[in-house]
Protein backbone atom coordinates (compact mmCIF):
# COMPACT_ATOMS: atom_id res chain seq x y z
CA MET A 1 12.74 -19.48 1.82
CA ASN A 2 13.01 -23.19 1.38
CA THR A 3 11.67 -24.55 -1.86
CA GLY A 4 10.72 -27.95 -0.43
CA ALA A 5 7.10 -28.91 0.04
CA PRO A 6 5.42 -27.34 3.07
CA ALA A 7 3.41 -29.43 5.52
CA SER A 8 0.18 -30.26 3.73
CA GLY A 9 -2.84 -28.27 4.81
CA ARG A 10 -1.45 -26.72 7.98
CA THR A 11 -2.13 -23.03 8.56
CA LEU A 12 -0.49 -21.18 11.42
CA ILE A 13 -1.75 -17.79 12.56
CA ALA A 14 0.82 -16.04 14.76
CA GLY A 15 0.01 -12.95 16.81
CA VAL A 16 3.22 -11.00 17.35
CA GLY A 17 3.87 -8.04 19.65
CA ASN A 18 4.65 -6.64 23.05
CA ILE A 19 1.55 -5.98 25.17
CA PHE A 20 3.60 -3.67 27.43
CA LEU A 21 4.17 -1.20 24.58
CA SER A 22 0.60 -0.07 23.89
CA ASP A 23 -0.33 -0.61 20.23
CA ASP A 24 2.55 -3.02 19.68
CA GLY A 25 0.25 -5.57 21.34
CA PHE A 26 -2.09 -5.52 18.31
CA GLY A 27 -1.05 -8.96 17.01
CA VAL A 28 -1.51 -10.54 20.43
CA GLU A 29 -5.04 -9.11 20.67
CA VAL A 30 -5.87 -10.42 17.20
CA ALA A 31 -4.63 -13.89 18.23
CA ARG A 32 -6.77 -13.75 21.38
CA THR A 33 -9.81 -12.80 19.33
CA LEU A 34 -9.22 -15.64 16.87
CA ALA A 35 -8.63 -18.17 19.66
CA ASP A 36 -12.28 -17.72 20.65
CA ARG A 37 -13.55 -18.54 17.15
CA THR A 38 -14.22 -21.83 15.42
CA LEU A 39 -11.64 -22.02 12.66
CA PRO A 40 -11.31 -24.53 9.82
CA GLU A 41 -9.58 -27.83 10.50
CA GLY A 42 -5.81 -27.55 10.25
CA VAL A 43 -5.76 -23.91 11.36
CA GLU A 44 -3.79 -23.16 14.53
CA VAL A 45 -3.57 -19.85 16.40
CA ALA A 46 -0.47 -18.97 18.43
CA ASP A 47 -0.03 -15.96 20.70
CA VAL A 48 3.68 -15.54 20.03
CA GLY A 49 4.04 -12.16 21.70
CA ILE A 50 7.74 -11.30 21.83
CA ARG A 51 8.82 -14.95 21.91
CA ALA A 52 9.73 -15.19 18.24
CA VAL A 53 11.95 -18.19 18.89
CA HIS A 54 8.75 -20.08 19.84
CA LEU A 55 7.42 -19.20 16.39
CA ALA A 56 10.51 -20.87 14.95
CA PHE A 57 9.77 -24.02 16.93
CA ASP A 58 6.11 -23.94 15.80
CA LEU A 59 7.29 -23.72 12.19
CA LEU A 60 9.71 -26.64 12.38
CA ASP A 61 6.81 -28.94 11.47
CA GLY A 62 6.26 -26.77 8.39
CA CYS A 63 3.06 -25.17 7.22
CA GLU A 64 1.30 -24.40 3.99
CA LEU A 65 0.22 -20.92 5.09
CA LEU A 66 1.69 -18.67 7.77
CA ILE A 67 -0.35 -15.59 8.68
CA LEU A 68 1.37 -13.03 10.90
CA ALA A 69 -0.64 -10.40 12.80
CA ASP A 70 1.44 -7.48 13.99
CA ALA A 71 1.75 -3.73 14.37
CA ALA A 72 3.99 -2.06 11.80
CA ALA A 73 4.67 1.63 11.28
CA ARG A 74 4.13 2.26 7.58
CA GLY A 75 3.18 5.95 7.59
CA GLU A 76 -0.57 5.33 7.52
CA ALA A 77 -3.27 6.64 9.83
CA PRO A 78 -3.35 4.78 13.18
CA GLY A 79 -5.61 1.75 12.93
CA THR A 80 -5.07 1.24 9.19
CA VAL A 81 -4.91 -2.50 8.45
CA THR A 82 -2.85 -3.70 5.50
CA VAL A 83 -2.48 -7.19 4.03
CA LEU A 84 1.07 -7.87 2.85
CA GLU A 85 2.27 -10.80 0.79
CA VAL A 86 5.67 -11.57 2.25
CA SER A 87 8.17 -12.44 -0.44
CA SER A 88 11.86 -13.20 -0.46
CA THR A 89 12.02 -12.26 -4.14
CA ALA A 90 11.22 -8.52 -3.99
CA ALA A 91 13.73 -6.36 -5.79
CA PRO A 92 16.19 -4.56 -3.48
CA ASP A 93 14.92 -1.18 -4.67
CA ASP A 94 11.29 -2.16 -4.02
CA ASP A 95 9.72 0.39 -1.67
CA GLN A 96 8.79 -2.45 0.65
CA ALA A 97 12.29 -3.90 0.87
CA HIS A 98 13.15 -1.59 3.76
CA VAL A 99 9.97 -2.13 5.77
CA GLY A 100 10.30 -4.74 8.52
CA LEU A 101 7.41 -6.96 9.52
CA VAL A 102 8.09 -6.12 13.09
CA MET A 103 9.60 -2.89 14.30
CA ASP A 104 11.54 -2.51 17.53
CA PRO A 105 11.61 -3.76 20.29
CA HIS A 106 11.50 -7.34 18.98
CA ALA A 107 14.96 -8.82 19.18
CA LEU A 108 14.21 -11.61 16.70
CA GLY A 109 11.53 -10.66 14.20
CA PRO A 110 9.57 -12.97 11.91
CA ASP A 111 11.97 -12.27 9.03
CA ALA A 112 14.85 -13.61 11.12
CA VAL A 113 12.70 -16.55 12.26
CA LEU A 114 11.92 -17.48 8.65
CA GLY A 115 15.63 -17.36 7.85
CA LEU A 116 16.35 -19.53 10.88
CA ILE A 117 13.77 -22.18 10.02
CA ASP A 118 15.02 -22.25 6.44
CA THR A 119 18.47 -23.04 7.82
CA LEU A 120 16.97 -25.79 9.99
CA GLY A 121 15.20 -27.34 7.00
CA ALA A 122 11.59 -26.50 7.87
CA ARG A 123 9.17 -25.87 5.02
CA VAL A 124 6.87 -22.86 4.93
CA GLY A 125 4.67 -22.12 1.94
CA ARG A 126 2.87 -18.81 1.57
CA VAL A 127 3.48 -16.09 4.17
CA VAL A 128 1.01 -13.25 4.66
CA ALA A 129 1.23 -10.42 7.18
CA VAL A 130 -1.83 -8.54 8.39
CA VAL A 131 -0.39 -5.41 9.93
CA CYS A 132 -1.89 -2.43 11.70
CA GLU A 133 -0.50 1.08 11.86
CA PRO A 134 0.18 1.85 15.54
CA GLY A 135 -0.74 5.15 17.11
CA ALA A 136 1.16 4.74 20.37
CA THR A 137 4.08 2.46 21.22
CA ALA A 138 5.23 4.08 24.43
CA PRO A 139 5.30 1.88 27.53
CA GLY A 140 1.78 1.14 28.66
CA ILE A 141 -0.83 -1.59 28.55
CA GLY A 142 -3.80 -1.35 26.23
CA LEU A 143 -4.40 -0.39 22.63
CA SER A 144 -5.25 3.12 21.49
CA PRO A 145 -8.88 3.52 20.32
CA PRO A 146 -8.16 3.36 16.55
CA VAL A 147 -5.97 0.28 16.91
CA ALA A 148 -8.44 -1.42 19.27
CA ALA A 149 -11.16 -0.79 16.68
CA ALA A 150 -9.00 -2.53 14.05
CA VAL A 151 -8.65 -5.83 15.97
CA ARG A 152 -11.98 -7.37 14.96
CA PRO A 153 -11.75 -6.38 11.25
CA ALA A 154 -8.19 -7.75 11.14
CA ALA A 155 -9.33 -10.99 12.77
CA ASP A 156 -12.15 -11.23 10.20
CA LEU A 157 -9.63 -10.77 7.36
CA ILE A 158 -7.34 -13.41 8.81
CA GLU A 159 -10.24 -15.82 9.24
CA ARG A 160 -11.10 -15.36 5.55
CA LEU A 161 -7.45 -15.89 4.57
CA ALA A 162 -7.29 -19.07 6.65
CA ALA A 163 -10.45 -20.32 4.91
CA GLY A 164 -8.70 -19.88 1.56
CA GLU A 165 -10.48 -16.73 0.42
CA SER A 166 -8.64 -14.10 -1.56
CA VAL A 167 -8.60 -10.77 0.27
CA THR A 168 -7.10 -7.34 -0.20
CA SER A 169 -6.40 -4.66 2.33
CA PRO A 170 -9.51 -2.89 3.53
CA ARG A 171 -10.15 0.57 2.15
CA PRO A 172 -8.33 3.17 4.23
CA SER A 173 -10.31 5.28 6.61
CA PRO A 174 -10.80 8.96 5.78
CA GLY A 175 -7.57 10.83 6.39
CA SER A 176 -5.39 7.79 5.74
CA ARG A 177 -2.38 8.28 3.50
CA ARG A 178 -2.34 4.91 1.74
CA THR A 179 -0.84 5.23 -1.72
CA THR A 180 -2.49 2.20 -3.29
CA PRO A 181 -5.88 1.67 -1.63
CA GLY A 182 -7.24 -1.84 -1.61
CA HIS A 183 -4.10 -3.53 -2.95
CA PRO A 184 -1.81 -5.85 -0.99
CA ARG A 185 1.87 -5.00 -0.95
CA ARG A 186 4.83 -7.32 -1.36
CA MET A 187 7.61 -7.40 1.19
CA ARG A 188 11.10 -8.80 0.92
CA LEU A 189 12.48 -10.65 3.90
CA GLY A 190 16.01 -10.19 5.11
């Protein structure tokens, strides 16, 4: 990512996903939930959906904090929410280096968008992803019950992040297979 100074004080929350693929619409639902809340000054919410190029345009003005809400298959129980610090400095053999922020069917994921805006000279500071393990991504509209139940807690986490609070991933639900409960993971982009 660019090392220049990000836009001072701006926080962008981007809900990513395809509402026509069941649980892949998680990020969009989180963005809709947050849009109805009173957020701190300088915090913007964008329902990006599958229009990742619009995220690139939103980021051209730079931001201090980018929070992505999305579904990501990580091998957890459906509905498990994880907070990930996105980093371009993770070691190639890091277990997170092979996990994408956005799984198919997004043609241009947030990792590609961040690379694109870097090329265009935009400045983005910290990037955090709040991801939810999907249960169903077959064609269909509507979230599965465990993923629907995770929308409000994820929105609460994101609201706390936007307010500058330090948060960790919530404790996994019984039956979840998280290997490091309560700890955020680092991801490498690209």
